[in-house]
Amino acid sequence: MKQQNKIEWKEVELGEVSQIVSGSTPSTIKSEYWEGGIINWITPAEIGNGNNGYYYETRKKITKKGLESASINLFPKGTVMLTSRAPIGKVAIAGTEMCSNQEFKNFICKKDQLVSEYLYYWLRSKENYLNSIGRGATFKEISKFIVSKLKIPIPFSNEKPDIKEQERIVKILEKAEKLKERGKKTSNLFDEYLKSVFNEMFLKDSFDLVEIGKVAPLQGGFAFKSKDYTNDGIKLVKITNVWNNILIWEDKTFLPNKYLEKYRSFSLKAGDIVLSMTRPIIKSLGSVKIVQIREHDLPCLLNQRVGRFLIDKNKVLANYLLHYCYTSEFKREVDKYCSTSLQPNISSNQINSIKISLPPLPLQQKFAKIVEQVEKLKENVKKVSKNSEKLFNSLMHKAFRGELVR
């Protein structure tokens, strides 16, 4: 039998195993640099929708003239792209030739020393650390020098980087990630199912139109003062937290515990529906920023520029109102008000004046039961997904410590 070479692990500076090049942007904005552009131009806003980390097509494209005007680099397929300004630590791999704006540090791996996908997963595992070393008063950034000095653990055999071992580790992580993503896709299918059921039950027939303010008036939040913010306590729901049926708690603001009673009229409850009143539309999703509060979000208080629907349950049910607010009809009405202002804002009075279709309560109750059944199925899927996520995170942790044994 042929003896297998012993794997040794060494930490190597990224600058030794890859060429690192900063992204760049033309210093002046000219239409000839962008109109009719065919060259992929990636920006941090796009990171998060790649195919196994790879990006083949970007929303924004630059022309050849724009590329030449600022001596912008066109990076080869396989280049690993890291956001180096806030938000720091988002990673992509160029699936084809493309360039990036100035908010990226780009890694062209030396083929005999570092596998692109291996670097991609390692950088993802270091996102929190990369954020912590960001510097800057106006916005945090990590420099090319700092990035080049980062030490990546690499498997060696016969005193050379072991490319096959890196590829083996990548395959394990890819399989684990596919398992993790499967749960998310299943949850999305449930959402699409509810959308189709809602359309079938309520949008094909004509029902009486009623102003929202007559069945579920929107209550604006309270203008809490920043001087009252604390390091922990009661969470404050701000416009930055409200997304598409999920509260994102990356940016947390707290108020003293006693405020929950002091401002009880702004205390949120499970089942409450809240709407962002500033920049209320997510253009990339074609959806309004609206969320139903869950038990795990509590306790929390309602901040200014976020509104809560005060629902009259004798006229409209929360599940019906929430899903109506997901429709293109509601989004179109919100968009009408926002388009008249330089700052996309909408007021409580404007929301209250929007007319919605109001079906009979028994039909709403039938839909609510369907939602309840689907939510139970989603919870079961979520439990499986959590286990898959734990597995993936565990493998990520072990992968770069040489613990994924053969």
Protein backbone atom coordinates (compact mmCIF):
# COMPACT_ATOMS: atom_id res chain seq x y z
CA MET A 1 0.00 0.00 0.00
CA LYS A 2 1.13 3.47 -0.82
CA GLN A 3 1.75 5.48 2.34
CA GLN A 4 -0.30 8.64 2.56
CA ASN A 5 1.68 11.86 2.99
CA LYS A 6 1.34 13.37 6.45
CA ILE A 7 -0.63 16.61 6.52
CA GLU A 8 0.89 19.49 8.45
CA TRP A 9 -0.88 22.77 9.13
CA LYS A 10 0.86 26.11 8.81
CA GLU A 11 -0.35 29.69 9.05
CA VAL A 12 0.56 31.76 6.00
CA GLU A 13 0.02 35.47 5.36
CA LEU A 14 -2.58 36.09 2.65
CA GLY A 15 -0.18 38.38 0.85
CA GLU A 16 2.14 35.39 0.31
CA VAL A 17 -0.42 33.11 -1.32
CA SER A 18 -2.51 35.60 -3.27
CA GLN A 19 -2.27 38.86 -5.15
CA ILE A 20 -4.44 41.45 -3.38
CA VAL A 21 -5.90 44.32 -5.40
CA SER A 22 -8.32 47.01 -4.20
CA GLY A 23 -11.43 47.74 -6.22
CA SER A 24 -11.99 51.20 -7.67
CA THR A 25 -14.66 53.52 -9.06
CA PRO A 26 -14.43 56.26 -11.72
CA SER A 27 -13.77 59.61 -10.03
CA THR A 28 -16.47 61.29 -12.11
CA ILE A 29 -19.90 59.99 -12.97
CA LYS A 30 -20.48 60.09 -16.72
CA SER A 31 -23.32 58.41 -18.56
CA GLU A 32 -20.88 57.06 -21.15
CA TYR A 33 -19.21 55.05 -18.38
CA TRP A 34 -22.41 53.17 -17.57
CA GLU A 35 -25.09 53.40 -20.26
CA GLY A 36 -24.94 50.31 -22.43
CA GLY A 37 -22.30 48.76 -20.18
CA ILE A 38 -21.62 45.05 -20.64
CA ILE A 39 -18.82 44.46 -18.10
CA ASN A 40 -19.94 43.05 -14.73
CA TRP A 41 -19.48 45.52 -11.87
CA ILE A 42 -20.13 44.11 -8.40
CA THR A 43 -21.15 46.18 -5.37
CA PRO A 44 -21.57 45.16 -1.68
CA ALA A 45 -25.37 45.48 -1.97
CA GLU A 46 -25.43 42.40 -4.22
CA ILE A 47 -23.59 40.07 -1.86
CA GLY A 48 -25.91 37.45 -0.45
CA ASN A 49 -27.57 36.01 -3.54
CA GLY A 50 -24.73 34.05 -5.10
CA ASN A 51 -24.71 30.45 -6.30
CA ASN A 52 -22.40 28.62 -3.85
CA GLY A 53 -20.51 31.88 -3.46
CA TYR A 54 -20.17 32.44 -7.23
CA TYR A 55 -21.55 35.52 -8.99
CA TYR A 56 -22.00 35.35 -12.75
CA GLU A 57 -24.16 38.38 -13.44
CA THR A 58 -24.31 41.77 -11.71
CA ARG A 59 -27.11 44.32 -11.71
CA LYS A 60 -24.79 47.19 -12.55
CA LYS A 61 -22.43 47.10 -15.54
CA ILE A 62 -19.69 49.42 -16.73
CA THR A 63 -18.63 50.24 -20.28
CA LYS A 64 -15.17 49.60 -21.68
CA LYS A 65 -14.63 53.37 -21.75
CA GLY A 66 -15.53 53.62 -18.06
CA LEU A 67 -13.16 50.77 -17.28
CA GLU A 68 -10.26 52.45 -19.07
CA SER A 69 -11.01 55.92 -17.68
CA ALA A 70 -10.01 55.04 -14.13
CA SER A 71 -7.61 52.20 -14.91
CA ILE A 72 -10.06 49.87 -13.19
CA ASN A 73 -8.94 46.26 -12.88
CA LEU A 74 -10.87 43.52 -14.60
CA PHE A 75 -10.50 40.49 -12.34
CA PRO A 76 -10.35 36.92 -13.67
CA LYS A 77 -12.83 34.17 -12.96
CA GLY A 78 -12.18 32.70 -9.50
CA THR A 79 -11.18 36.01 -7.87
CA VAL A 80 -12.34 36.12 -4.25
CA MET A 81 -13.94 39.47 -3.43
CA LEU A 82 -14.18 40.75 0.16
CA THR A 83 -16.09 43.84 1.29
CA SER A 84 -13.56 45.93 3.18
CA ARG A 85 -15.87 48.80 4.21
CA ALA A 86 -18.96 48.57 6.36
CA PRO A 87 -20.48 46.05 6.11
CA ILE A 88 -17.07 44.38 6.35
CA GLY A 89 -16.67 40.66 5.71
CA LYS A 90 -19.15 39.82 2.93
CA VAL A 91 -17.51 37.49 0.41
CA ALA A 92 -18.08 36.55 -3.23
CA ILE A 93 -16.28 34.61 -5.94
CA ALA A 94 -16.20 35.97 -9.49
CA GLY A 95 -17.91 33.37 -11.69
CA THR A 96 -16.68 35.23 -14.75
CA GLU A 97 -14.51 38.25 -15.48
CA MET A 98 -15.72 41.23 -13.45
CA CYS A 99 -14.60 44.33 -11.62
CA SER A 100 -15.58 45.72 -8.24
CA ASN A 101 -16.08 49.11 -6.68
CA GLN A 102 -13.69 50.64 -4.16
CA GLU A 103 -15.36 48.89 -1.22
CA PHE A 104 -13.70 45.56 -2.04
CA LYS A 105 -10.33 43.92 -1.55
CA ASN A 106 -9.87 41.28 -4.25
CA PHE A 107 -7.77 38.12 -3.99
CA ILE A 108 -6.28 36.41 -7.03
CA CYS A 109 -5.07 33.12 -5.55
CA LYS A 110 -1.76 31.55 -6.57
CA LYS A 111 -3.02 28.34 -8.14
CA ASP A 112 -0.34 26.07 -6.67
CA GLN A 113 -0.85 27.41 -3.15
CA LEU A 114 -4.44 28.43 -2.45
CA VAL A 115 -7.84 27.26 -3.73
CA SER A 116 -10.33 30.11 -4.25
CA GLU A 117 -13.23 28.28 -2.61
CA TYR A 118 -11.05 27.39 0.38
CA LEU A 119 -10.22 31.08 0.86
CA TYR A 120 -13.89 31.97 0.38
CA TYR A 121 -15.02 29.72 3.24
CA TRP A 122 -12.16 30.80 5.50
CA LEU A 123 -13.00 34.48 5.03
CA ARG A 124 -16.65 33.72 5.80
CA SER A 125 -15.61 32.04 9.04
CA LYS A 126 -13.72 35.22 10.02
CA GLU A 127 -16.52 37.75 9.39
CA ASN A 128 -16.88 38.79 13.05
CA TYR A 129 -13.12 39.14 13.44
CA LEU A 130 -12.82 41.18 10.23
CA ASN A 131 -15.49 43.54 11.53
CA SER A 132 -13.65 43.95 14.82
CA ILE A 133 -10.41 45.09 13.16
CA GLY A 134 -12.10 47.71 10.96
CA ARG A 135 -10.78 51.24 11.56
CA GLY A 136 -12.12 54.70 10.81
CA ALA A 137 -14.13 57.53 12.36
CA THR A 138 -16.70 58.10 9.61
CA PHE A 139 -16.95 54.45 8.52
CA LYS A 140 -15.00 51.32 9.37
CA GLU A 141 -12.58 49.93 6.81
CA ILE A 142 -9.78 47.36 6.63
CA SER A 143 -6.80 48.34 4.53
CA LYS A 144 -4.96 46.31 1.92
CA PHE A 145 -1.96 46.12 4.26
CA ILE A 146 -4.03 44.71 7.13
CA VAL A 147 -5.67 42.17 4.82
CA SER A 148 -2.33 41.07 3.39
CA LYS A 149 -1.03 40.31 6.91
CA LEU A 150 -3.98 38.09 7.87
CA LYS A 151 -2.77 34.56 8.52
CA ILE A 152 -4.73 31.72 6.95
CA PRO A 153 -4.20 28.11 8.11
CA ILE A 154 -3.25 25.92 5.15
CA PRO A 155 -2.64 22.14 4.97
CA PHE A 156 0.87 21.24 3.77
CA SER A 157 2.40 17.99 2.57
CA ASN A 158 5.99 17.53 1.43
CA GLU A 159 6.62 21.14 2.49
CA LYS A 160 4.13 22.43 -0.11
CA PRO A 161 0.54 23.64 0.19
CA ASP A 162 -1.71 20.60 -0.32
CA ILE A 163 -4.21 21.64 -3.00
CA LYS A 164 -6.05 18.29 -2.95
CA GLU A 165 -6.62 18.54 0.81
CA GLN A 166 -7.99 22.07 0.38
CA GLU A 167 -10.36 20.79 -2.32
CA ARG A 168 -11.47 17.92 -0.07
CA ILE A 169 -12.33 20.35 2.72
CA VAL A 170 -14.22 22.58 0.28
CA LYS A 171 -16.37 19.64 -0.90
CA ILE A 172 -17.34 18.79 2.69
CA LEU A 173 -18.33 22.40 3.40
CA GLU A 174 -20.26 22.68 0.12
CA LYS A 175 -22.32 19.57 0.96
CA ALA A 176 -23.05 20.89 4.45
CA GLU A 177 -24.10 24.26 3.09
CA LYS A 178 -26.46 22.71 0.53
CA LEU A 179 -28.13 20.84 3.39
CA LYS A 180 -28.47 24.11 5.30
CA GLU A 181 -29.91 25.97 2.30
CA ARG A 182 -32.46 23.26 1.58
CA GLY A 183 -34.44 24.26 4.69
CA LYS A 184 -34.53 27.91 3.59
CA LYS A 185 -35.82 26.95 0.15
CA THR A 186 -38.57 24.83 1.72
CA SER A 187 -39.63 27.78 3.89
CA ASN A 188 -39.75 29.99 0.79
CA LEU A 189 -41.99 27.41 -0.94
CA PHE A 190 -44.43 27.60 1.99
CA ASP A 191 -44.52 31.40 1.63
CA GLU A 192 -45.22 31.08 -2.09
CA TYR A 193 -47.98 28.58 -1.34
CA LEU A 194 -49.68 31.00 1.09
CA LYS A 195 -49.38 33.76 -1.48
CA SER A 196 -51.11 31.64 -4.13
CA VAL A 197 -53.85 30.60 -1.66
CA PHE A 198 -54.44 34.26 -0.72
CA ASN A 199 -54.67 35.27 -4.37
CA GLU A 200 -57.11 32.45 -5.10
CA MET A 201 -59.35 33.23 -2.12
CA PHE A 202 -59.37 37.02 -2.16
CA LEU A 203 -58.04 38.63 -5.33
CA LYS A 204 -60.19 36.86 -7.91
CA ASP A 205 -63.46 38.15 -6.45
CA SER A 206 -64.65 41.67 -5.70
CA PHE A 207 -65.31 42.60 -2.09
CA ASP A 208 -66.25 45.88 -0.43
CA LEU A 209 -63.44 48.45 -0.26
CA VAL A 210 -62.73 50.10 3.08
CA GLU A 211 -60.11 52.55 4.31
CA ILE A 212 -57.49 50.88 6.50
CA GLY A 213 -58.02 53.55 9.14
CA LYS A 214 -61.60 52.32 9.70
CA VAL A 215 -60.61 48.71 10.48
CA ALA A 216 -56.93 48.89 11.54
CA PRO A 217 -55.65 52.46 12.09
CA LEU A 218 -51.88 52.85 12.07
CA GLN A 219 -50.34 54.07 15.33
CA GLY A 220 -47.01 55.86 15.00
CA GLY A 221 -44.14 55.08 17.38
CA PHE A 222 -42.76 57.29 20.12
CA ALA A 223 -39.77 59.64 19.64
CA PHE A 224 -37.49 58.12 22.27
CA LYS A 225 -34.40 60.22 23.02
CA SER A 226 -30.92 58.87 22.31
CA LYS A 227 -29.73 60.09 25.73
CA ASP A 228 -32.02 57.46 27.29
CA TYR A 229 -30.43 54.56 25.40
CA THR A 230 -28.79 51.87 27.55
CA ASN A 231 -26.41 48.95 26.99
CA ASP A 232 -29.16 46.42 27.65
CA GLY A 233 -32.82 46.30 28.63
CA ILE A 234 -35.88 46.64 26.36
CA LYS A 235 -35.24 46.44 22.61
CA LEU A 236 -36.41 49.36 20.47
CA VAL A 237 -37.96 48.54 17.07
CA LYS A 238 -36.54 51.09 14.60
CA ILE A 239 -36.83 51.40 10.83
CA THR A 240 -33.45 49.64 10.45
CA ASN A 241 -34.89 46.55 12.17
CA VAL A 242 -37.99 46.17 9.96
CA TRP A 243 -37.60 44.02 6.85
CA ASN A 244 -39.80 41.61 4.88
CA ASN A 245 -41.68 39.75 7.67
CA ILE A 246 -38.58 39.58 9.83
CA LEU A 247 -37.08 41.85 12.46
CA ILE A 248 -33.32 42.08 11.91
CA TRP A 249 -31.61 42.60 15.27
CA GLU A 250 -28.05 43.20 14.05
CA ASP A 251 -28.47 46.86 15.03
CA LYS A 252 -29.88 46.79 18.58
CA THR A 253 -30.89 49.81 20.64
CA PHE A 254 -32.01 49.36 24.24
CA LEU A 255 -34.07 51.39 26.69
CA PRO A 256 -34.38 50.99 30.49
CA ASN A 257 -36.61 48.12 31.68
CA LYS A 258 -38.92 50.58 33.47
CA TYR A 259 -39.86 52.11 30.08
CA LEU A 260 -41.93 49.02 29.26
CA GLU A 261 -44.51 50.15 31.83
CA LYS A 262 -43.93 53.89 31.45
CA TYR A 263 -44.61 53.70 27.69
CA ARG A 264 -46.97 50.72 27.74
CA SER A 265 -49.07 52.20 24.91
CA PHE A 266 -46.00 51.69 22.67
CA SER A 267 -45.21 48.21 24.02
CA LEU A 268 -45.47 45.61 21.27
CA LYS A 269 -47.22 42.24 21.59
CA ALA A 270 -46.87 38.95 19.72
CA GLY A 271 -49.04 39.12 16.61
CA ASP A 272 -48.75 42.91 16.21
CA ILE A 273 -48.10 44.03 12.63
CA VAL A 274 -45.59 46.86 12.22
CA LEU A 275 -44.66 48.86 9.12
CA SER A 276 -41.61 50.97 8.30
CA MET A 277 -42.79 54.52 7.54
CA THR A 278 -39.43 55.69 6.17
CA ARG A 279 -38.13 53.99 3.01
CA PRO A 280 -41.08 51.56 3.33
CA ILE A 281 -40.40 49.62 0.12
CA ILE A 282 -37.67 47.04 -0.53
CA LYS A 283 -37.07 47.65 -4.23
CA SER A 284 -34.99 44.50 -4.75
CA LEU A 285 -37.88 42.35 -3.45
CA GLY A 286 -40.74 44.53 -4.72
CA SER A 287 -42.20 44.36 -1.23
CA VAL A 288 -43.27 46.64 1.60
CA LYS A 289 -41.25 46.52 4.84
CA ILE A 290 -43.80 44.94 7.13
CA VAL A 291 -43.37 42.48 10.01
CA GLN A 292 -45.53 40.47 12.37
CA ILE A 293 -44.02 40.49 15.86
CA ARG A 294 -43.06 37.06 17.24
CA GLU A 295 -42.69 35.90 20.84
CA HIS A 296 -38.90 35.70 20.45
CA ASP A 297 -38.78 39.40 19.49
CA LEU A 298 -40.26 40.50 22.81
CA PRO A 299 -40.07 42.56 24.92
CA CYS A 300 -39.75 45.60 22.66
CA LEU A 301 -41.03 49.15 22.20
CA LEU A 302 -42.20 51.00 19.10
CA ASN A 303 -39.93 53.82 17.89
CA GLN A 304 -40.90 56.83 15.76
CA ARG A 305 -41.20 56.28 11.98
CA VAL A 306 -42.41 52.71 12.65
CA GLY A 307 -46.17 52.19 12.79
CA ARG A 308 -48.37 49.52 14.38
CA PHE A 309 -51.80 48.55 13.06
CA LEU A 310 -54.46 48.67 15.82
CA ILE A 311 -56.64 45.90 14.45
CA ASP A 312 -60.39 45.71 15.05
CA LYS A 313 -60.75 41.91 15.17
CA ASN A 314 -64.49 42.18 14.58
CA LYS A 315 -63.78 43.52 11.10
CA VAL A 316 -60.39 42.26 9.95
CA LEU A 317 -58.00 39.50 11.05
CA ALA A 318 -54.25 40.01 11.44
CA ASN A 319 -53.35 37.19 9.03
CA TYR A 320 -55.54 38.67 6.31
CA LEU A 321 -54.21 42.21 6.79
CA LEU A 322 -50.59 41.03 6.84
CA HIS A 323 -50.91 39.07 3.60
CA TYR A 324 -52.86 41.87 1.94
CA CYS A 325 -49.94 44.18 2.75
CA TYR A 326 -47.68 41.73 0.88
CA THR A 327 -49.67 42.21 -2.34
CA SER A 328 -48.58 44.32 -5.28
CA GLU A 329 -51.84 46.29 -4.89
CA PHE A 330 -50.87 47.55 -1.43
CA LYS A 331 -47.26 48.14 -2.46
CA ARG A 332 -48.47 50.22 -5.42
CA GLU A 333 -50.58 52.45 -3.14
CA VAL A 334 -47.67 52.98 -0.73
CA ASP A 335 -45.38 53.75 -3.66
CA LYS A 336 -47.73 56.50 -4.86
CA TYR A 337 -47.23 58.47 -1.67
CA CYS A 338 -43.48 57.85 -1.51
CA SER A 339 -42.86 58.93 -5.10
CA THR A 340 -44.01 62.49 -4.32
CA SER A 341 -41.19 63.04 -1.82
CA LEU A 342 -37.40 63.26 -2.12
CA GLN A 343 -37.17 61.27 1.12
CA PRO A 344 -39.32 58.13 0.79
CA ASN A 345 -41.68 58.63 3.74
CA ILE A 346 -45.29 57.81 4.39
CA SER A 347 -47.52 59.10 7.19
CA SER A 348 -50.10 57.36 9.37
CA ASN A 349 -52.86 59.41 7.73
CA GLN A 350 -51.72 58.32 4.26
CA ILE A 351 -51.67 54.65 5.24
CA ASN A 352 -55.07 55.00 6.91
CA SER A 353 -56.54 56.48 3.72
CA ILE A 354 -55.52 53.48 1.58
CA LYS A 355 -58.55 51.39 0.63
CA ILE A 356 -58.28 47.64 0.92
CA SER A 357 -60.59 44.83 -0.10
CA LEU A 358 -62.51 43.50 2.91
CA PRO A 359 -63.95 39.97 2.53
CA PRO A 360 -66.44 38.45 5.01
CA LEU A 361 -64.96 37.46 8.38
CA PRO A 362 -65.69 33.69 7.97
CA LEU A 363 -63.60 33.67 4.78
CA GLN A 364 -60.76 35.45 6.58
CA GLN A 365 -61.01 32.87 9.39
CA LYS A 366 -60.73 30.03 6.87
CA PHE A 367 -57.52 31.59 5.52
CA ALA A 368 -56.21 32.09 9.08
CA LYS A 369 -56.56 28.34 9.75
CA ILE A 370 -54.56 27.56 6.61
CA VAL A 371 -51.86 30.02 7.74
CA GLU A 372 -51.77 28.35 11.18
CA GLN A 373 -51.24 24.90 9.63
CA VAL A 374 -48.50 26.16 7.30
CA GLU A 375 -46.74 27.99 10.15
CA LYS A 376 -46.59 24.72 12.13
CA LEU A 377 -44.98 23.00 9.15
CA LYS A 378 -42.52 25.89 8.82
CA GLU A 379 -41.57 25.53 12.50
CA ASN A 380 -40.76 21.84 11.94
CA VAL A 381 -38.62 22.73 8.94
CA LYS A 382 -36.93 25.46 10.99
CA LYS A 383 -35.87 22.92 13.64
CA VAL A 384 -34.24 20.76 10.97
CA SER A 385 -32.62 23.85 9.47
CA LYS A 386 -31.17 24.85 12.84
CA ASN A 387 -29.52 21.44 13.14
CA SER A 388 -28.14 21.81 9.61
CA GLU A 389 -26.86 25.29 10.47
CA LYS A 390 -25.15 23.97 13.61
CA LEU A 391 -23.55 21.20 11.57
CA PHE A 392 -22.28 23.67 8.98
CA ASN A 393 -20.88 26.07 11.61
CA SER A 394 -19.23 23.18 13.43
CA LEU A 395 -17.62 21.94 10.22
CA MET A 396 -16.45 25.49 9.37
CA HIS A 397 -14.85 25.70 12.81
CA LYS A 398 -13.13 22.32 12.45
CA ALA A 399 -12.13 22.73 8.80
CA PHE A 400 -9.46 25.35 9.44
CA ARG A 401 -8.06 23.62 12.50
CA GLY A 402 -7.21 20.41 10.64
CA GLU A 403 -9.98 18.46 12.40
CA LEU A 404 -11.85 17.18 9.35
CA VAL A 405 -10.08 13.84 9.41
CA ARG A 406 -10.08 11.50 6.45
